[in-house]
Amino acid sequence: VLISALDALFANMIAESNTSDTSKSMKKRLRDAFGYENGLYEAIPHLLVFLQGDTSIAHPSPTMGSKKPNQIEFMLCRLIGAIASDEIPVVIYLDDLQWADSFSIEILSRLLLDQCIQNILVICSYRSNQIRCNDQLSTALSNIQQVRGKASSSSLTRVEKIDLFF
């Protein structure tokens, strides 16, 4: 889901205007972070089109090829860190986090524990009564709270139909 959302972001950036100041500054941040070689091009083909400006480049189906999970996690975090800036803050909303797979939890942990990544807000929702099913998520949330100390949480009780009208 994250990879397809990032590909859609770059598709939108291409459609809006590849020559805007925002696009130019993002391209610079991305090139500073990755250079011209980027192992994410297979999975995020619009990233390559965005950086090179050639819309005739073939769009392979998004895959990560032979990349190892640690490489993918590192590259995705670096990409999001390069996108996030004062002019383009990043907000990520993750719903039903209790069902997240190990890969997604690891990316979330890396993203939130990296002190160099700024201008990002991550909002997560999960069912606290089902989080026990996912010990990795419990551990990750605890680690994030300990290291960053900025995490806050709110608990909601059951929402009744009548509550939706007020």
N, C-alpha and C. Protein backbone atom coordinates (compact mmCIF):
# COMPACT_ATOMS: atom_id res chain seq x y z
N VAL A 1 0.83 -1.19 0.00
CA VAL A 1 0.00 0.00 0.00
C VAL A 1 0.88 1.26 0.00
N LEU A 2 1.92 1.27 0.82
CA LEU A 2 2.81 2.42 0.89
C LEU A 2 3.48 2.68 -0.46
N ILE A 3 3.93 1.62 -1.10
CA ILE A 3 4.62 1.76 -2.39
C ILE A 3 3.66 2.32 -3.45
N SER A 4 2.43 1.81 -3.50
CA SER A 4 1.49 2.33 -4.49
C SER A 4 1.10 3.78 -4.17
N ALA A 5 1.04 4.14 -2.88
CA ALA A 5 0.74 5.53 -2.52
C ALA A 5 1.88 6.45 -2.95
N LEU A 6 3.12 6.01 -2.80
CA LEU A 6 4.25 6.81 -3.23
C LEU A 6 4.28 6.96 -4.75
N ASP A 7 3.96 5.88 -5.46
CA ASP A 7 3.92 5.95 -6.92
C ASP A 7 2.84 6.95 -7.35
N ALA A 8 1.68 6.92 -6.69
CA ALA A 8 0.60 7.87 -7.01
C ALA A 8 1.02 9.31 -6.71
N LEU A 9 1.78 9.51 -5.63
CA LEU A 9 2.28 10.85 -5.31
C LEU A 9 3.12 11.39 -6.46
N PHE A 10 4.05 10.57 -6.97
CA PHE A 10 4.91 11.04 -8.06
C PHE A 10 4.13 11.19 -9.36
N ALA A 11 3.12 10.37 -9.58
CA ALA A 11 2.27 10.54 -10.76
C ALA A 11 1.55 11.89 -10.68
N ASN A 12 1.08 12.26 -9.49
CA ASN A 12 0.43 13.56 -9.31
C ASN A 12 1.41 14.71 -9.48
N MET A 13 2.62 14.53 -8.98
CA MET A 13 3.64 15.58 -9.14
C MET A 13 3.94 15.81 -10.61
N ILE A 14 3.98 14.73 -11.39
CA ILE A 14 4.23 14.83 -12.84
C ILE A 14 3.07 15.57 -13.50
N ALA A 15 1.85 15.21 -13.13
CA ALA A 15 0.66 15.81 -13.75
C ALA A 15 0.53 17.29 -13.42
N GLU A 16 0.88 17.68 -12.19
CA GLU A 16 0.73 19.07 -11.78
C GLU A 16 1.66 19.98 -12.56
N SER A 17 2.92 19.83 -12.35
CA SER A 17 3.89 20.63 -13.08
C SER A 17 5.27 20.21 -12.65
N ASN A 18 5.99 19.67 -13.57
CA ASN A 18 7.33 19.18 -13.28
C ASN A 18 8.34 20.32 -13.20
N THR A 19 7.90 21.54 -13.44
CA THR A 19 8.83 22.67 -13.43
C THR A 19 8.59 23.62 -12.27
N SER A 20 7.65 23.33 -11.41
CA SER A 20 7.37 24.21 -10.28
C SER A 20 8.55 24.22 -9.31
N ASP A 21 8.60 25.25 -8.48
CA ASP A 21 9.67 25.34 -7.48
C ASP A 21 9.62 24.17 -6.52
N THR A 22 8.40 23.73 -6.17
CA THR A 22 8.25 22.59 -5.27
C THR A 22 8.84 21.34 -5.90
N SER A 23 8.54 21.11 -7.18
CA SER A 23 9.08 19.95 -7.88
C SER A 23 10.60 20.02 -7.97
N LYS A 24 11.12 21.20 -8.29
CA LYS A 24 12.56 21.36 -8.41
C LYS A 24 13.27 21.08 -7.09
N SER A 25 12.73 21.61 -5.99
CA SER A 25 13.38 21.38 -4.70
C SER A 25 13.26 19.92 -4.27
N MET A 26 12.12 19.28 -4.59
CA MET A 26 11.99 17.87 -4.25
C MET A 26 12.98 17.03 -5.07
N LYS A 27 13.12 17.33 -6.34
CA LYS A 27 14.08 16.60 -7.18
C LYS A 27 15.48 16.73 -6.60
N LYS A 28 15.83 17.92 -6.16
CA LYS A 28 17.16 18.12 -5.57
C LYS A 28 17.34 17.27 -4.32
N ARG A 29 16.34 17.27 -3.44
CA ARG A 29 16.43 16.47 -2.21
C ARG A 29 16.53 14.98 -2.53
N LEU A 30 15.77 14.54 -3.53
CA LEU A 30 15.81 13.12 -3.92
C LEU A 30 17.17 12.76 -4.51
N ARG A 31 17.70 13.61 -5.36
CA ARG A 31 19.02 13.33 -5.95
C ARG A 31 20.11 13.38 -4.89
N ASP A 32 19.99 14.29 -3.92
CA ASP A 32 20.96 14.34 -2.83
C ASP A 32 20.90 13.06 -1.99
N ALA A 33 19.70 12.53 -1.83
CA ALA A 33 19.53 11.32 -1.02
C ALA A 33 19.96 10.06 -1.75
N PHE A 34 19.72 9.99 -3.08
CA PHE A 34 19.94 8.76 -3.82
C PHE A 34 20.91 8.85 -4.97
N GLY A 35 21.24 10.05 -5.41
CA GLY A 35 21.99 10.16 -6.65
C GLY A 35 21.06 9.83 -7.81
N TYR A 36 21.59 9.34 -8.88
CA TYR A 36 20.77 9.02 -10.04
C TYR A 36 20.41 7.54 -10.08
N GLU A 37 21.04 6.75 -9.26
CA GLU A 37 20.72 5.33 -9.20
C GLU A 37 19.85 5.09 -7.98
N ASN A 38 18.71 4.50 -8.19
CA ASN A 38 17.78 4.29 -7.11
C ASN A 38 17.13 2.93 -7.27
N GLY A 39 17.29 2.09 -6.28
CA GLY A 39 16.73 0.76 -6.33
C GLY A 39 15.22 0.71 -6.22
N LEU A 40 14.58 1.85 -6.06
CA LEU A 40 13.12 1.89 -5.94
C LEU A 40 12.41 2.09 -7.27
N TYR A 41 13.16 2.34 -8.33
CA TYR A 41 12.53 2.62 -9.63
C TYR A 41 11.64 1.47 -10.10
N GLU A 42 12.03 0.23 -9.80
CA GLU A 42 11.20 -0.91 -10.21
C GLU A 42 9.84 -0.85 -9.55
N ALA A 43 9.82 -0.50 -8.27
CA ALA A 43 8.57 -0.51 -7.51
C ALA A 43 7.79 0.79 -7.66
N ILE A 44 8.50 1.89 -7.91
CA ILE A 44 7.86 3.20 -8.02
C ILE A 44 8.27 3.82 -9.35
N PRO A 45 7.70 3.33 -10.45
CA PRO A 45 8.13 3.80 -11.77
C PRO A 45 7.92 5.30 -11.99
N HIS A 46 6.91 5.89 -11.37
CA HIS A 46 6.70 7.33 -11.55
C HIS A 46 7.80 8.16 -10.90
N LEU A 47 8.52 7.59 -9.97
CA LEU A 47 9.67 8.28 -9.38
C LEU A 47 10.73 8.53 -10.44
N LEU A 48 10.99 7.53 -11.25
CA LEU A 48 11.97 7.66 -12.34
C LEU A 48 11.50 8.71 -13.35
N VAL A 49 10.23 8.66 -13.72
CA VAL A 49 9.69 9.63 -14.68
C VAL A 49 9.77 11.03 -14.08
N PHE A 50 9.44 11.16 -12.81
CA PHE A 50 9.50 12.47 -12.13
C PHE A 50 10.91 13.04 -12.16
N LEU A 51 11.90 12.21 -11.85
CA LEU A 51 13.28 12.68 -11.79
C LEU A 51 13.87 12.96 -13.17
N GLN A 52 13.53 12.13 -14.15
CA GLN A 52 14.14 12.29 -15.46
C GLN A 52 13.28 13.09 -16.43
N GLY A 53 12.00 13.22 -16.12
CA GLY A 53 11.13 14.03 -16.96
C GLY A 53 10.77 13.40 -18.29
N ASP A 54 11.07 12.13 -18.48
CA ASP A 54 10.78 11.45 -19.75
C ASP A 54 9.55 10.58 -19.56
N THR A 55 8.42 11.05 -20.05
CA THR A 55 7.17 10.30 -19.87
C THR A 55 7.06 9.10 -20.80
N SER A 56 8.03 8.92 -21.69
CA SER A 56 7.99 7.75 -22.59
C SER A 56 8.63 6.52 -21.95
N ILE A 57 9.19 6.67 -20.76
CA ILE A 57 9.82 5.54 -20.08
C ILE A 57 8.74 4.50 -19.79
N ALA A 58 9.06 3.27 -20.11
CA ALA A 58 8.10 2.18 -19.88
C ALA A 58 7.80 2.07 -18.40
N HIS A 59 6.58 1.74 -18.08
CA HIS A 59 6.17 1.59 -16.69
C HIS A 59 6.03 0.11 -16.36
N PRO A 60 7.06 -0.49 -15.78
CA PRO A 60 6.94 -1.88 -15.40
C PRO A 60 5.96 -2.02 -14.24
N SER A 61 5.45 -3.21 -14.05
CA SER A 61 4.57 -3.39 -12.91
C SER A 61 5.39 -3.27 -11.64
N PRO A 62 4.85 -2.60 -10.62
CA PRO A 62 5.61 -2.38 -9.41
C PRO A 62 6.02 -3.69 -8.73
N THR A 63 7.32 -3.87 -8.60
CA THR A 63 7.89 -4.99 -7.86
C THR A 63 9.15 -4.49 -7.19
N MET A 64 9.67 -5.24 -6.29
CA MET A 64 10.94 -4.86 -5.67
C MET A 64 12.05 -5.78 -6.14
N GLY A 65 11.77 -6.60 -7.13
CA GLY A 65 12.82 -7.42 -7.72
C GLY A 65 13.55 -8.25 -6.67
N SER A 66 14.88 -8.20 -6.74
CA SER A 66 15.70 -9.04 -5.87
C SER A 66 16.16 -8.32 -4.61
N LYS A 67 15.58 -7.18 -4.30
CA LYS A 67 15.99 -6.43 -3.12
C LYS A 67 15.63 -7.18 -1.85
N LYS A 68 16.50 -7.08 -0.85
CA LYS A 68 16.26 -7.70 0.45
C LYS A 68 15.38 -6.77 1.29
N PRO A 69 14.60 -7.32 2.21
CA PRO A 69 13.70 -6.48 3.01
C PRO A 69 14.41 -5.32 3.71
N ASN A 70 15.59 -5.53 4.26
CA ASN A 70 16.30 -4.44 4.94
C ASN A 70 16.65 -3.32 3.97
N GLN A 71 17.04 -3.67 2.75
CA GLN A 71 17.35 -2.65 1.74
C GLN A 71 16.10 -1.85 1.38
N ILE A 72 15.01 -2.55 1.21
CA ILE A 72 13.75 -1.89 0.85
C ILE A 72 13.31 -0.94 1.96
N GLU A 73 13.35 -1.41 3.20
CA GLU A 73 12.96 -0.58 4.34
C GLU A 73 13.82 0.68 4.39
N PHE A 74 15.13 0.49 4.25
CA PHE A 74 16.06 1.62 4.29
C PHE A 74 15.75 2.61 3.18
N MET A 75 15.57 2.12 1.96
CA MET A 75 15.32 3.00 0.82
C MET A 75 13.98 3.73 0.94
N LEU A 76 12.94 3.05 1.41
CA LEU A 76 11.64 3.69 1.57
C LEU A 76 11.70 4.79 2.63
N CYS A 77 12.38 4.52 3.73
CA CYS A 77 12.52 5.55 4.78
C CYS A 77 13.32 6.73 4.26
N ARG A 78 14.36 6.45 3.52
CA ARG A 78 15.17 7.52 2.95
C ARG A 78 14.36 8.34 1.94
N LEU A 79 13.54 7.67 1.16
CA LEU A 79 12.68 8.36 0.20
C LEU A 79 11.68 9.27 0.91
N ILE A 80 11.01 8.76 1.90
CA ILE A 80 10.03 9.56 2.64
C ILE A 80 10.73 10.73 3.34
N GLY A 81 11.91 10.46 3.89
CA GLY A 81 12.68 11.53 4.51
C GLY A 81 13.07 12.61 3.52
N ALA A 82 13.35 12.22 2.28
CA ALA A 82 13.72 13.19 1.25
C ALA A 82 12.50 13.97 0.75
N ILE A 83 11.34 13.36 0.78
CA ILE A 83 10.12 14.04 0.34
C ILE A 83 9.70 15.08 1.38
N ALA A 84 9.74 14.69 2.65
CA ALA A 84 9.26 15.55 3.73
C ALA A 84 10.16 16.79 3.87
N SER A 85 9.54 17.95 3.86
CA SER A 85 10.27 19.20 4.01
C SER A 85 9.33 20.24 4.61
N ASP A 86 9.86 21.44 4.85
CA ASP A 86 9.00 22.51 5.36
C ASP A 86 7.89 22.83 4.37
N GLU A 87 8.21 22.77 3.07
CA GLU A 87 7.19 23.10 2.07
C GLU A 87 6.27 21.94 1.74
N ILE A 88 6.73 20.70 2.00
CA ILE A 88 5.90 19.52 1.75
C ILE A 88 5.98 18.60 2.97
N PRO A 89 5.25 18.93 4.04
CA PRO A 89 5.23 18.00 5.17
C PRO A 89 4.47 16.74 4.76
N VAL A 90 4.81 15.63 5.36
CA VAL A 90 4.19 14.35 5.01
C VAL A 90 3.31 13.89 6.17
N VAL A 91 2.09 13.51 5.83
CA VAL A 91 1.17 12.93 6.80
C VAL A 91 0.84 11.54 6.29
N ILE A 92 1.05 10.55 7.15
CA ILE A 92 0.74 9.16 6.81
C ILE A 92 -0.32 8.69 7.80
N TYR A 93 -1.40 8.17 7.27
CA TYR A 93 -2.46 7.61 8.12
C TYR A 93 -2.53 6.11 7.88
N LEU A 94 -2.39 5.36 8.94
CA LEU A 94 -2.45 3.90 8.87
C LEU A 94 -3.61 3.41 9.72
N ASP A 95 -4.55 2.73 9.08
CA ASP A 95 -5.75 2.25 9.75
C ASP A 95 -5.61 0.75 10.04
N ASP A 96 -6.26 0.29 11.08
CA ASP A 96 -6.26 -1.13 11.46
C ASP A 96 -4.85 -1.69 11.57
N LEU A 97 -4.01 -0.96 12.29
CA LEU A 97 -2.61 -1.34 12.42
C LEU A 97 -2.43 -2.70 13.10
N GLN A 98 -3.44 -3.16 13.82
CA GLN A 98 -3.33 -4.47 14.47
C GLN A 98 -3.16 -5.59 13.45
N TRP A 99 -3.52 -5.34 12.19
CA TRP A 99 -3.39 -6.36 11.14
C TRP A 99 -2.12 -6.17 10.30
N ALA A 100 -1.27 -5.23 10.68
CA ALA A 100 -0.08 -4.94 9.88
C ALA A 100 0.87 -6.13 9.85
N ASP A 101 1.52 -6.31 8.71
CA ASP A 101 2.51 -7.37 8.58
C ASP A 101 3.86 -6.89 9.14
N SER A 102 4.79 -7.81 9.27
CA SER A 102 6.10 -7.51 9.85
C SER A 102 6.83 -6.43 9.06
N PHE A 103 6.77 -6.51 7.74
CA PHE A 103 7.45 -5.54 6.87
C PHE A 103 6.94 -4.13 7.14
N SER A 104 5.63 -3.96 7.22
CA SER A 104 5.03 -2.64 7.45
C SER A 104 5.39 -2.10 8.83
N ILE A 105 5.38 -2.96 9.82
CA ILE A 105 5.73 -2.54 11.18
C ILE A 105 7.20 -2.12 11.23
N GLU A 106 8.05 -2.83 10.54
CA GLU A 106 9.47 -2.49 10.53
C GLU A 106 9.70 -1.14 9.84
N ILE A 107 9.02 -0.89 8.73
CA ILE A 107 9.14 0.41 8.05
C ILE A 107 8.65 1.53 8.97
N LEU A 108 7.50 1.32 9.61
CA LEU A 108 6.97 2.31 10.53
C LEU A 108 7.96 2.60 11.65
N SER A 109 8.53 1.55 12.22
CA SER A 109 9.50 1.72 13.30
C SER A 109 10.72 2.50 12.83
N ARG A 110 11.28 2.09 11.70
CA ARG A 110 12.46 2.80 11.17
C ARG A 110 12.15 4.26 10.89
N LEU A 111 11.01 4.50 10.32
CA LEU A 111 10.61 5.85 9.96
C LEU A 111 10.51 6.74 11.19
N LEU A 112 9.88 6.22 12.22
CA LEU A 112 9.64 7.03 13.41
C LEU A 112 10.84 7.08 14.37
N LEU A 113 11.74 6.13 14.26
CA LEU A 113 12.91 6.13 15.14
C LEU A 113 14.09 6.88 14.54
N ASP A 114 14.03 7.20 13.26
CA ASP A 114 15.11 7.92 12.59
C ASP A 114 15.03 9.39 12.98
N GLN A 115 16.00 9.85 13.76
CA GLN A 115 16.00 11.22 14.25
C GLN A 115 16.23 12.24 13.13
N CYS A 116 16.73 11.80 11.99
CA CYS A 116 17.02 12.72 10.87
C CYS A 116 15.77 13.06 10.07
N ILE A 117 14.74 12.24 10.16
CA ILE A 117 13.52 12.49 9.39
C ILE A 117 12.66 13.49 10.15
N GLN A 118 12.40 14.61 9.50
CA GLN A 118 11.62 15.70 10.07
C GLN A 118 10.40 15.94 9.20
N ASN A 119 9.50 16.78 9.68
CA ASN A 119 8.32 17.21 8.92
C ASN A 119 7.43 16.04 8.51
N ILE A 120 7.24 15.13 9.43
CA ILE A 120 6.38 13.98 9.16
C ILE A 120 5.46 13.76 10.36
N LEU A 121 4.22 13.44 10.06
CA LEU A 121 3.24 13.11 11.07
C LEU A 121 2.64 11.77 10.68
N VAL A 122 2.68 10.83 11.61
CA VAL A 122 2.10 9.51 11.36
C VAL A 122 0.94 9.34 12.33
N ILE A 123 -0.22 9.05 11.78
CA ILE A 123 -1.41 8.81 12.58
C ILE A 123 -1.80 7.35 12.37
N CYS A 124 -1.91 6.64 13.45
CA CYS A 124 -2.24 5.22 13.37
C CYS A 124 -3.51 4.95 14.16
N SER A 125 -4.28 4.02 13.68
CA SER A 125 -5.43 3.57 14.46
C SER A 125 -5.34 2.05 14.56
N TYR A 126 -5.73 1.56 15.70
CA TYR A 126 -5.74 0.11 15.90
C TYR A 126 -6.72 -0.20 17.01
N ARG A 127 -7.14 -1.44 17.03
CA ARG A 127 -8.06 -1.90 18.06
C ARG A 127 -7.23 -2.45 19.21
N SER A 128 -7.26 -1.73 20.31
CA SER A 128 -6.41 -2.11 21.44
C SER A 128 -6.73 -3.50 21.98
N ASN A 129 -7.97 -3.94 21.83
CA ASN A 129 -8.31 -5.28 22.31
C ASN A 129 -7.77 -6.37 21.38
N GLN A 130 -7.30 -6.00 20.20
CA GLN A 130 -6.74 -6.99 19.27
C GLN A 130 -5.24 -6.84 19.07
N ILE A 131 -4.64 -5.86 19.71
CA ILE A 131 -3.21 -5.64 19.52
C ILE A 131 -2.38 -6.76 20.15
N ARG A 132 -2.94 -7.45 21.11
CA ARG A 132 -2.22 -8.55 21.74
C ARG A 132 -1.90 -9.65 20.74
N CYS A 133 -2.68 -9.69 19.65
CA CYS A 133 -2.43 -10.67 18.60
C CYS A 133 -1.14 -10.36 17.84
N ASN A 134 -0.64 -9.16 18.00
CA ASN A 134 0.52 -8.72 17.23
C ASN A 134 1.58 -8.20 18.20
N ASP A 135 2.38 -9.11 18.76
CA ASP A 135 3.40 -8.72 19.73
C ASP A 135 4.44 -7.80 19.11
N GLN A 136 4.73 -7.97 17.82
CA GLN A 136 5.71 -7.11 17.16
C GLN A 136 5.23 -5.66 17.15
N LEU A 137 3.95 -5.46 16.93
CA LEU A 137 3.40 -4.11 16.94
C LEU A 137 3.47 -3.51 18.34
N SER A 138 3.12 -4.27 19.36
CA SER A 138 3.19 -3.78 20.74
C SER A 138 4.61 -3.35 21.08
N THR A 139 5.57 -4.16 20.70
CA THR A 139 6.98 -3.85 20.97
C THR A 139 7.41 -2.59 20.22
N ALA A 140 7.02 -2.50 18.95
CA ALA A 140 7.39 -1.34 18.14
C ALA A 140 6.80 -0.05 18.72
N LEU A 141 5.53 -0.07 19.08
CA LEU A 141 4.89 1.12 19.65
C LEU A 141 5.55 1.53 20.96
N SER A 142 5.91 0.56 21.77
CA SER A 142 6.60 0.84 23.03
C SER A 142 7.98 1.45 22.77
N ASN A 143 8.73 0.90 21.82
CA ASN A 143 10.05 1.43 21.48
C ASN A 143 9.96 2.86 20.96
N ILE A 144 9.00 3.11 20.12
CA ILE A 144 8.83 4.46 19.56
C ILE A 144 8.53 5.45 20.67
N GLN A 145 7.65 5.06 21.59
CA GLN A 145 7.31 5.94 22.71
C GLN A 145 8.53 6.22 23.57
N GLN A 146 9.34 5.20 23.84
CA GLN A 146 10.53 5.37 24.68
C GLN A 146 11.58 6.25 24.01
N VAL A 147 11.84 6.01 22.73
CA VAL A 147 12.91 6.73 22.04
C VAL A 147 12.49 8.15 21.67
N ARG A 148 11.33 8.29 21.08
CA ARG A 148 10.90 9.61 20.60
C ARG A 148 10.19 10.41 21.69
N GLY A 149 9.45 9.74 22.53
CA GLY A 149 8.77 10.42 23.62
C GLY A 149 7.68 11.37 23.18
N LYS A 150 7.45 11.50 21.88
CA LYS A 150 6.46 12.44 21.38
C LYS A 150 5.15 11.77 21.01
N ALA A 151 5.10 10.49 21.11
CA ALA A 151 3.89 9.77 20.71
C ALA A 151 2.79 10.02 21.73
N SER A 152 1.61 10.25 21.24
CA SER A 152 0.48 10.40 22.13
C SER A 152 -0.62 9.47 21.65
N SER A 153 -1.49 9.13 22.54
CA SER A 153 -2.56 8.22 22.16
C SER A 153 -3.88 8.68 22.77
N SER A 154 -4.93 8.27 22.15
CA SER A 154 -6.29 8.54 22.63
C SER A 154 -7.08 7.27 22.48
N SER A 155 -7.91 7.01 23.42
CA SER A 155 -8.77 5.83 23.35
C SER A 155 -10.19 6.27 23.08
N LEU A 156 -10.82 5.55 22.20
CA LEU A 156 -12.22 5.81 21.90
C LEU A 156 -13.04 4.64 22.40
N THR A 157 -14.19 4.95 22.92
CA THR A 157 -15.11 3.88 23.30
C THR A 157 -15.93 3.53 22.08
N ARG A 158 -16.73 2.58 22.23
CA ARG A 158 -17.59 2.16 21.12
C ARG A 158 -18.43 3.34 20.63
N VAL A 159 -18.44 3.54 19.33
CA VAL A 159 -19.22 4.63 18.74
C VAL A 159 -20.61 4.10 18.42
N GLU A 160 -21.59 4.74 18.96
CA GLU A 160 -22.97 4.37 18.71
C GLU A 160 -23.50 5.18 17.54
N LYS A 161 -24.54 4.68 16.92
CA LYS A 161 -25.14 5.34 15.77
C LYS A 161 -25.54 6.78 16.10
N ILE A 162 -26.08 6.98 17.28
CA ILE A 162 -26.54 8.31 17.68
C ILE A 162 -25.35 9.27 17.78
N ASP A 163 -24.14 8.80 18.15
CA ASP A 163 -22.96 9.64 18.27
C ASP A 163 -22.51 10.23 16.94
N LEU A 164 -22.86 9.59 15.87
CA LEU A 164 -22.43 10.04 14.56
C LEU A 164 -23.15 11.33 14.11
N PHE A 165 -24.23 11.65 14.75
CA PHE A 165 -25.01 12.82 14.35
C PHE A 165 -24.66 14.07 15.15
N PHE A 166 -23.76 13.99 16.11
CA PHE A 166 -23.41 15.16 16.94
C PHE A 166 -22.00 15.51 16.80
